[in-house]
Amino acid sequence: MKNPTLTLLLITCSASLTAAEVDFQEISGLLNEGMAKLVDKELLPPDRLFGRDQQDATSELNEIIEESLFILGSEAYLQKRDDYRKIETALLAEQMLMANKVERRTFAPDQGVTLQTRMIPTKSLKNIVATTKGDYDLLIDVHRRNIDSFESDLLSMREDLSSVLADLGIILDLDEIEFLLSSKTGEDLISMSVAFENVKAVTEQLGQLTAQTGENIDYAKRYYGMFVVLHELLLHMQQKFIGETNNVILPQLDAFRAEAQDLISQTRTLIRSNPDNASLKANLKANELTVEAIDAYKAFVIEHRNRAVEAEAIIKKEARIARNTYDTVNLSSNVTLMIKNGIDTFQTLAAIQMPTVAPFENKDLEREFKKINVRLREGLAY
């Protein structure tokens, strides 16, 4: 910034931006660029063979918005979330390995630990040579200790995440964090909540800047232009969430449910011919639990998709008002009032966006819910 007074104001605002240590000068530069692209979208021709057109401006605006969203996120939260996800995936893998050993133990000879298994130093080789119930008891005990260790790590990490989010103005208890991080949708909801909190913080700084520059219309319009782009940023975020929910997550959940229902039908047919087969009965119960978990997941996703649609409608209306004010602004006092009203609107949107959770009825359903999320992650780009 060449103007020394303006530079001092930006530094002061940057120092007071406490929501997530957002670099105000960096984000304000991006918002200014975004406003220029918004203007281009209206002035450029819709489509042409040579030179820039509205489609180019839209693409450039979306790139700026994505970069802005990254800055408005929380590096501390994202790092801890990714670490949490790795441990949770390792825990699920360990639980599945233990379940496999428990099943194999059922059909093993009723004998103690063999000398061969006892003497082999690594768990991988012990898995290969295990033959007796005693051998499998030894392996199961190792898995159980690993599971306890992973669960202890996850609890500690949830406490860290709760503290990080509290610093950002997002209050979630440990059970709520566990539930939300058990799903891709829940993770997105937390990230969106972080962005909302930081948008509110940036808006407050824009209001201060506008008030401090007095009746300077050029500065007032510049700051309000940033405010206009913040609306576009929130709208982009909501539409991206709604689109991914409708076009990726819900169709995948429907496919998983159809697959489970098909297995249920096959299993019931087999049970009619083998009514006393314990394995078939266990398979039927497992697939019915899968359907229950999918239905719970789908209800959670749809609820928050609908809330995002509600928020999207509010943002669209406010964005139109903000742009109309930008185009017709005459006095900085008018801009200051609009920004203050915008802060109230963002507060309402943040309340709508705040994720809600429902407790699991049992641990089996919780584990199945998490396994479904692992399958969803495999089909989604991160």
Protein backbone atom coordinates (compact mmCIF):
# COMPACT_ATOMS: atom_id res chain seq x y z
CA MET A 1 0.00 0.00 0.00
CA LYS A 2 1.49 3.34 -1.04
CA ASN A 3 -0.71 5.53 1.19
CA PRO A 4 0.99 5.60 4.66
CA THR A 5 -2.26 6.28 6.53
CA LEU A 6 -4.00 3.38 4.80
CA THR A 7 -1.00 1.11 5.46
CA LEU A 8 -1.14 1.96 9.17
CA LEU A 9 -4.88 1.21 9.26
CA LEU A 10 -4.38 -2.18 7.60
CA ILE A 11 -1.60 -3.09 10.03
CA THR A 12 -3.77 -2.08 12.97
CA CYS A 13 -6.69 -4.15 11.68
CA SER A 14 -4.44 -7.12 10.95
CA ALA A 15 -3.14 -7.04 14.51
CA SER A 16 -6.68 -7.05 15.94
CA LEU A 17 -7.98 -9.88 13.76
CA THR A 18 -8.14 -12.59 16.40
CA ALA A 19 -10.44 -15.24 14.91
CA ALA A 20 -7.70 -17.30 13.28
CA GLU A 21 -4.67 -15.08 12.67
CA VAL A 22 -5.81 -14.25 9.14
CA ASP A 23 -3.34 -12.11 7.20
CA PHE A 24 -5.61 -9.12 6.57
CA GLN A 25 -3.36 -7.49 4.00
CA GLU A 26 -3.18 -10.74 2.02
CA ILE A 27 -6.92 -11.39 2.14
CA SER A 28 -7.78 -7.76 1.33
CA GLY A 29 -5.60 -7.93 -1.78
CA LEU A 30 -7.42 -11.06 -2.95
CA LEU A 31 -10.81 -9.51 -2.24
CA ASN A 32 -9.86 -6.47 -4.31
CA GLU A 33 -8.87 -8.75 -7.18
CA GLY A 34 -12.16 -10.58 -6.79
CA MET A 35 -14.12 -7.33 -7.07
CA ALA A 36 -12.34 -6.53 -10.34
CA LYS A 37 -13.34 -9.94 -11.71
CA LEU A 38 -16.95 -9.37 -10.63
CA VAL A 39 -17.00 -6.13 -12.59
CA ASP A 40 -15.43 -7.91 -15.57
CA LYS A 41 -18.20 -10.51 -15.49
CA GLU A 42 -20.70 -7.74 -16.26
CA LEU A 43 -18.62 -5.69 -18.70
CA LEU A 44 -17.07 -8.46 -20.81
CA PRO A 45 -19.00 -10.20 -23.61
CA PRO A 46 -20.64 -13.50 -22.63
CA ASP A 47 -18.56 -15.52 -25.07
CA ARG A 48 -15.97 -14.80 -27.74
CA LEU A 49 -13.33 -16.68 -29.68
CA PHE A 50 -10.39 -14.39 -28.94
CA GLY A 51 -9.69 -12.44 -25.76
CA ARG A 52 -11.30 -12.63 -22.33
CA ASP A 53 -15.00 -13.13 -21.85
CA GLN A 54 -17.40 -13.63 -18.93
CA GLN A 55 -16.50 -17.30 -18.64
CA ASP A 56 -12.84 -16.38 -18.21
CA ALA A 57 -13.71 -13.81 -15.54
CA THR A 58 -15.87 -16.36 -13.70
CA SER A 59 -13.08 -18.93 -13.75
CA GLU A 60 -10.57 -16.35 -12.48
CA LEU A 61 -12.99 -15.26 -9.74
CA ASN A 62 -13.46 -18.85 -8.58
CA GLU A 63 -9.69 -19.31 -8.35
CA ILE A 64 -9.43 -16.18 -6.21
CA ILE A 65 -12.29 -17.39 -4.02
CA GLU A 66 -10.66 -20.81 -3.50
CA GLU A 67 -7.39 -19.12 -2.53
CA SER A 68 -9.27 -16.81 -0.17
CA LEU A 69 -11.05 -19.75 1.45
CA PHE A 70 -7.70 -21.40 2.07
CA ILE A 71 -6.43 -18.25 3.82
CA LEU A 72 -9.67 -18.01 5.81
CA GLY A 73 -9.20 -21.55 7.05
CA SER A 74 -7.10 -22.63 10.00
CA GLU A 75 -3.77 -24.31 9.35
CA ALA A 76 -3.63 -25.54 12.95
CA TYR A 77 -7.07 -27.17 12.65
CA LEU A 78 -6.37 -28.74 9.25
CA GLN A 79 -3.08 -30.28 10.42
CA LYS A 80 -4.64 -31.76 13.54
CA ARG A 81 -7.66 -32.97 11.55
CA ASP A 82 -5.42 -34.77 9.05
CA ASP A 83 -3.40 -36.37 11.86
CA TYR A 84 -6.65 -37.44 13.53
CA ARG A 85 -7.89 -39.00 10.30
CA LYS A 86 -4.70 -41.06 9.93
CA ILE A 87 -4.97 -42.44 13.46
CA GLU A 88 -8.69 -43.15 13.03
CA THR A 89 -8.00 -45.07 9.80
CA ALA A 90 -5.27 -47.07 11.55
CA LEU A 91 -7.70 -47.83 14.41
CA LEU A 92 -10.36 -49.12 12.02
CA ALA A 93 -7.79 -51.32 10.28
CA GLU A 94 -6.65 -52.72 13.64
CA GLN A 95 -10.25 -53.44 14.67
CA MET A 96 -10.86 -55.33 11.43
CA LEU A 97 -7.67 -57.36 11.90
CA MET A 98 -8.71 -58.28 15.42
CA ALA A 99 -12.19 -59.27 14.25
CA ASN A 100 -10.54 -61.54 11.67
CA LYS A 101 -8.42 -63.20 14.36
CA VAL A 102 -11.45 -63.69 16.59
CA GLU A 103 -13.26 -65.43 13.72
CA ARG A 104 -10.27 -67.65 12.88
CA ARG A 105 -9.82 -68.53 16.56
CA THR A 106 -13.33 -70.03 16.58
CA PHE A 107 -12.24 -72.80 14.20
CA ALA A 108 -8.72 -73.31 15.63
CA PRO A 109 -7.70 -76.34 17.75
CA ASP A 110 -8.32 -75.87 21.46
CA GLN A 111 -4.65 -75.74 22.50
CA GLY A 112 -2.27 -73.23 24.12
CA VAL A 113 0.37 -71.07 22.44
CA THR A 114 2.65 -73.14 20.23
CA LEU A 115 6.41 -72.86 20.73
CA GLN A 116 6.82 -71.81 17.10
CA THR A 117 4.46 -68.86 17.49
CA ARG A 118 5.96 -67.87 20.82
CA MET A 119 9.53 -67.77 19.45
CA ILE A 120 8.84 -65.79 16.24
CA PRO A 121 9.74 -62.12 16.87
CA THR A 122 7.42 -60.22 14.51
CA LYS A 123 3.65 -59.96 14.48
CA SER A 124 3.50 -60.54 10.71
CA LEU A 125 5.21 -63.92 10.99
CA LYS A 126 3.15 -64.85 14.04
CA ASN A 127 0.05 -64.26 11.88
CA ILE A 128 1.34 -66.74 9.32
CA VAL A 129 2.17 -69.59 11.71
CA ALA A 130 -0.72 -69.17 14.17
CA THR A 131 -2.79 -72.35 14.35
CA THR A 132 -4.20 -72.84 17.86
CA LYS A 133 -6.62 -70.90 20.04
CA GLY A 134 -3.66 -69.98 22.22
CA ASP A 135 -1.80 -68.56 19.22
CA TYR A 136 -4.79 -66.43 18.27
CA ASP A 137 -5.27 -65.29 21.87
CA LEU A 138 -1.71 -63.96 21.74
CA LEU A 139 -2.38 -62.06 18.50
CA ILE A 140 -5.75 -60.76 19.67
CA ASP A 141 -4.10 -59.38 22.80
CA VAL A 142 -1.58 -57.48 20.64
CA HIS A 143 -4.39 -56.00 18.53
CA ARG A 144 -6.33 -55.04 21.64
CA ARG A 145 -3.33 -53.18 23.08
CA ASN A 146 -2.85 -51.37 19.77
CA ILE A 147 -6.53 -50.42 19.71
CA ASP A 148 -6.32 -49.07 23.27
CA SER A 149 -3.27 -47.01 22.28
CA PHE A 150 -4.97 -45.59 19.17
CA GLU A 151 -8.13 -44.73 21.14
CA SER A 152 -6.03 -42.95 23.76
CA ASP A 153 -4.27 -40.97 20.99
CA LEU A 154 -7.60 -40.01 19.44
CA LEU A 155 -8.98 -38.80 22.76
CA SER A 156 -5.94 -36.60 23.28
CA MET A 157 -6.23 -35.25 19.73
CA ARG A 158 -9.94 -34.48 20.21
CA GLU A 159 -9.00 -32.41 23.27
CA ASP A 160 -6.43 -30.52 21.17
CA LEU A 161 -8.97 -29.97 18.37
CA SER A 162 -11.57 -28.73 20.84
CA SER A 163 -9.07 -26.16 22.11
CA VAL A 164 -8.09 -25.04 18.59
CA LEU A 165 -11.73 -24.64 17.53
CA ALA A 166 -12.60 -22.79 20.75
CA ASP A 167 -9.88 -20.26 19.90
CA LEU A 168 -11.67 -19.76 16.57
CA GLY A 169 -15.01 -19.17 18.28
CA ILE A 170 -16.43 -22.65 17.57
CA ILE A 171 -17.48 -24.51 20.72
CA LEU A 172 -17.82 -28.28 20.29
CA ASP A 173 -17.47 -30.89 23.02
CA LEU A 174 -15.38 -34.05 22.57
CA ASP A 175 -18.34 -36.25 21.58
CA GLU A 176 -19.47 -33.74 18.95
CA ILE A 177 -15.96 -33.53 17.51
CA GLU A 178 -15.73 -37.33 17.40
CA PHE A 179 -19.03 -37.57 15.54
CA LEU A 180 -18.26 -34.81 13.03
CA LEU A 181 -14.77 -36.10 12.26
CA SER A 182 -16.19 -39.57 11.64
CA SER A 183 -17.61 -38.31 8.33
CA LYS A 184 -16.47 -36.31 5.32
CA THR A 185 -19.59 -34.16 5.61
CA GLY A 186 -18.85 -33.42 9.26
CA GLU A 187 -15.31 -32.39 8.40
CA ASP A 188 -16.64 -30.03 5.72
CA LEU A 189 -19.11 -28.52 8.19
CA ILE A 190 -16.34 -27.71 10.66
CA SER A 191 -14.20 -26.18 7.90
CA MET A 192 -17.17 -24.07 6.76
CA SER A 193 -17.79 -22.93 10.34
CA VAL A 194 -14.15 -21.84 10.59
CA ALA A 195 -14.52 -19.87 7.35
CA PHE A 196 -17.71 -18.21 8.59
CA GLU A 197 -16.03 -17.10 11.80
CA ASN A 198 -13.14 -15.60 9.86
CA VAL A 199 -15.44 -13.89 7.35
CA LYS A 200 -17.17 -12.22 10.31
CA ALA A 201 -13.79 -11.11 11.66
CA VAL A 202 -12.71 -9.69 8.29
CA THR A 203 -16.06 -7.89 7.94
CA GLU A 204 -15.59 -6.27 11.34
CA GLN A 205 -12.19 -4.96 10.21
CA LEU A 206 -13.69 -3.59 7.00
CA GLY A 207 -16.28 -1.77 9.10
CA GLN A 208 -13.53 -0.24 11.24
CA LEU A 209 -11.53 0.82 8.18
CA THR A 210 -14.57 2.45 6.60
CA ALA A 211 -15.36 4.38 9.78
CA GLN A 212 -11.74 5.48 10.24
CA THR A 213 -11.37 6.83 6.69
CA GLY A 214 -14.28 9.20 7.28
CA GLU A 215 -15.99 10.59 4.21
CA ASN A 216 -13.42 9.32 1.67
CA ILE A 217 -15.70 7.77 -0.93
CA ASP A 218 -12.90 6.01 -2.82
CA TYR A 219 -11.83 4.09 0.27
CA ALA A 220 -15.43 3.45 1.31
CA LYS A 221 -16.26 1.94 -2.05
CA ARG A 222 -13.06 -0.11 -2.01
CA TYR A 223 -13.79 -1.62 1.40
CA TYR A 224 -17.39 -2.26 0.48
CA GLY A 225 -16.21 -3.97 -2.69
CA MET A 226 -14.29 -6.40 -0.47
CA PHE A 227 -17.49 -6.91 1.52
CA VAL A 228 -19.36 -7.73 -1.70
CA VAL A 229 -16.76 -10.38 -2.59
CA LEU A 230 -17.12 -11.93 0.89
CA HIS A 231 -20.75 -12.63 -0.01
CA GLU A 232 -19.62 -14.28 -3.25
CA LEU A 233 -17.10 -16.32 -1.27
CA LEU A 234 -19.75 -17.64 1.13
CA LEU A 235 -22.11 -18.35 -1.76
CA HIS A 236 -19.39 -20.29 -3.58
CA MET A 237 -18.68 -22.32 -0.45
CA GLN A 238 -22.34 -23.19 0.09
CA GLN A 239 -22.94 -24.11 -3.55
CA LYS A 240 -19.85 -26.32 -3.62
CA PHE A 241 -21.05 -28.14 -0.49
CA ILE A 242 -24.58 -28.56 -1.87
CA GLY A 243 -23.28 -29.76 -5.25
CA GLU A 244 -20.93 -32.34 -3.77
CA THR A 245 -23.67 -33.56 -1.43
CA ASN A 246 -26.26 -33.94 -4.19
CA ASN A 247 -23.99 -35.24 -6.94
CA VAL A 248 -21.44 -37.37 -5.08
CA ILE A 249 -22.17 -38.25 -1.47
CA LEU A 250 -25.91 -39.02 -1.64
CA PRO A 251 -25.61 -41.10 -4.85
CA GLN A 252 -22.74 -43.09 -3.31
CA LEU A 253 -24.74 -43.72 -0.14
CA ASP A 254 -27.68 -44.90 -2.28
CA ALA A 255 -25.32 -47.25 -4.14
CA PHE A 256 -23.94 -48.61 -0.85
CA ARG A 257 -27.48 -49.17 0.41
CA ALA A 258 -28.55 -50.99 -2.76
CA GLU A 259 -25.46 -53.19 -2.47
CA ALA A 260 -26.26 -54.02 1.16
CA GLN A 261 -29.92 -54.70 0.37
CA ASP A 262 -28.88 -57.06 -2.42
CA LEU A 263 -26.65 -58.95 0.03
CA ILE A 264 -29.50 -59.09 2.53
CA SER A 265 -31.78 -60.66 -0.10
CA GLN A 266 -29.11 -63.20 -1.07
CA THR A 267 -28.42 -64.07 2.56
CA ARG A 268 -32.09 -64.56 3.40
CA THR A 269 -32.44 -66.88 0.42
CA LEU A 270 -29.49 -68.94 1.67
CA ILE A 271 -30.84 -69.01 5.22
CA ARG A 272 -34.08 -70.58 4.00
CA SER A 273 -32.02 -73.54 2.81
CA ASN A 274 -29.62 -73.44 5.77
CA PRO A 275 -31.69 -72.21 8.73
CA ASP A 276 -29.12 -73.19 11.37
CA ASN A 277 -26.05 -71.68 9.72
CA ALA A 278 -24.50 -69.25 12.22
CA SER A 279 -22.30 -67.52 9.64
CA LEU A 280 -25.27 -66.64 7.43
CA LYS A 281 -27.18 -65.25 10.40
CA ALA A 282 -24.15 -63.14 11.37
CA ASN A 283 -23.86 -61.91 7.77
CA LEU A 284 -27.52 -60.92 7.73
CA LYS A 285 -27.15 -59.00 10.98
CA ALA A 286 -24.01 -57.23 9.69
CA ASN A 287 -25.69 -56.12 6.46
CA GLU A 288 -28.81 -54.93 8.29
CA LEU A 289 -26.53 -52.86 10.53
CA THR A 290 -24.87 -51.43 7.43
CA VAL A 291 -28.25 -50.30 6.08
CA GLU A 292 -29.08 -48.72 9.44
CA ALA A 293 -25.77 -46.84 9.46
CA ILE A 294 -26.27 -45.67 5.85
CA ASP A 295 -29.75 -44.39 6.69
CA ALA A 296 -28.37 -42.49 9.71
CA TYR A 297 -25.57 -41.05 7.59
CA LYS A 298 -27.99 -40.04 4.84
CA ALA A 299 -30.33 -38.31 7.30
CA PHE A 300 -27.37 -36.36 8.71
CA VAL A 301 -26.20 -35.33 5.24
CA ILE A 302 -29.67 -34.30 4.04
CA GLU A 303 -30.32 -32.21 7.16
CA HIS A 304 -27.17 -30.18 6.64
CA ARG A 305 -27.65 -29.99 2.88
CA ASN A 306 -31.06 -28.43 3.55
CA ARG A 307 -29.57 -26.00 6.03
CA ALA A 308 -26.95 -25.04 3.45
CA VAL A 309 -29.74 -24.42 0.92
CA GLU A 310 -31.43 -22.16 3.49
CA ALA A 311 -28.17 -20.28 4.06
CA GLU A 312 -27.59 -20.05 0.30
CA ALA A 313 -30.95 -18.31 -0.18
CA ILE A 314 -30.08 -15.73 2.49
CA ILE A 315 -26.62 -15.12 1.01
CA LYS A 316 -28.04 -14.66 -2.50
CA LYS A 317 -30.49 -12.03 -1.28
CA GLU A 318 -27.87 -10.20 0.78
CA ALA A 319 -25.35 -10.40 -2.07
CA ARG A 320 -27.80 -8.65 -4.42
CA ILE A 321 -28.38 -5.90 -1.86
CA ALA A 322 -24.64 -5.52 -1.24
CA ARG A 323 -23.87 -5.25 -4.95
CA ASN A 324 -26.66 -2.74 -5.51
CA THR A 325 -25.28 -0.64 -2.65
CA TYR A 326 -21.76 -0.89 -4.07
CA ASP A 327 -22.97 0.39 -7.42
CA THR A 328 -24.90 3.32 -5.92
CA VAL A 329 -22.85 4.22 -2.83
CA ASN A 330 -22.57 7.96 -2.15
CA LEU A 331 -21.62 8.35 1.50
CA SER A 332 -19.22 6.27 3.58
CA SER A 333 -21.74 6.43 6.46
CA ASN A 334 -24.16 4.42 4.30
CA VAL A 335 -21.45 1.86 3.70
CA THR A 336 -20.62 1.63 7.40
CA LEU A 337 -24.26 0.93 8.21
CA MET A 338 -24.50 -1.76 5.53
CA ILE A 339 -21.35 -3.47 6.79
CA LYS A 340 -22.70 -3.46 10.35
CA ASN A 341 -25.92 -5.04 9.05
CA GLY A 342 -23.77 -7.54 7.17
CA ILE A 343 -22.07 -8.61 10.39
CA ASP A 344 -25.50 -9.40 11.85
CA THR A 345 -26.39 -11.38 8.72
CA PHE A 346 -23.16 -13.39 8.88
CA GLN A 347 -23.91 -14.12 12.55
CA THR A 348 -27.30 -15.53 11.52
CA LEU A 349 -25.69 -17.57 8.75
CA ALA A 350 -23.06 -18.94 11.14
CA ALA A 351 -25.84 -20.12 13.46
CA ILE A 352 -27.58 -21.87 10.56
CA GLN A 353 -24.30 -23.39 9.42
CA MET A 354 -23.24 -24.66 12.86
CA PRO A 355 -23.22 -28.46 12.65
CA THR A 356 -25.56 -30.52 14.81
CA VAL A 357 -24.89 -34.08 15.85
CA ALA A 358 -26.91 -37.06 17.02
CA PRO A 359 -25.43 -39.66 19.39
CA PHE A 360 -24.95 -43.21 18.14
CA GLU A 361 -27.26 -45.77 19.68
CA ASN A 362 -24.50 -48.33 20.03
CA LYS A 363 -20.81 -48.89 19.32
CA ASP A 364 -21.51 -51.33 16.48
CA LEU A 365 -23.48 -48.66 14.61
CA GLU A 366 -20.72 -46.13 15.26
CA ARG A 367 -18.08 -48.47 13.83
CA GLU A 368 -20.23 -49.19 10.78
CA PHE A 369 -20.80 -45.45 10.26
CA LYS A 370 -17.02 -44.91 10.23
CA LYS A 371 -16.44 -47.80 7.83
CA ILE A 372 -18.95 -46.28 5.41
CA ASN A 373 -17.05 -43.01 5.62
CA VAL A 374 -13.81 -44.81 4.70
CA ARG A 375 -15.53 -46.08 1.55
CA LEU A 376 -16.79 -42.58 0.79
CA ARG A 377 -13.30 -41.13 1.17
CA GLU A 378 -11.98 -43.59 -1.39
CA GLY A 379 -14.38 -42.12 -3.95
CA LEU A 380 -13.79 -38.44 -3.12
CA ALA A 381 -10.86 -36.20 -4.05
CA TYR A 382 -9.20 -34.35 -1.19
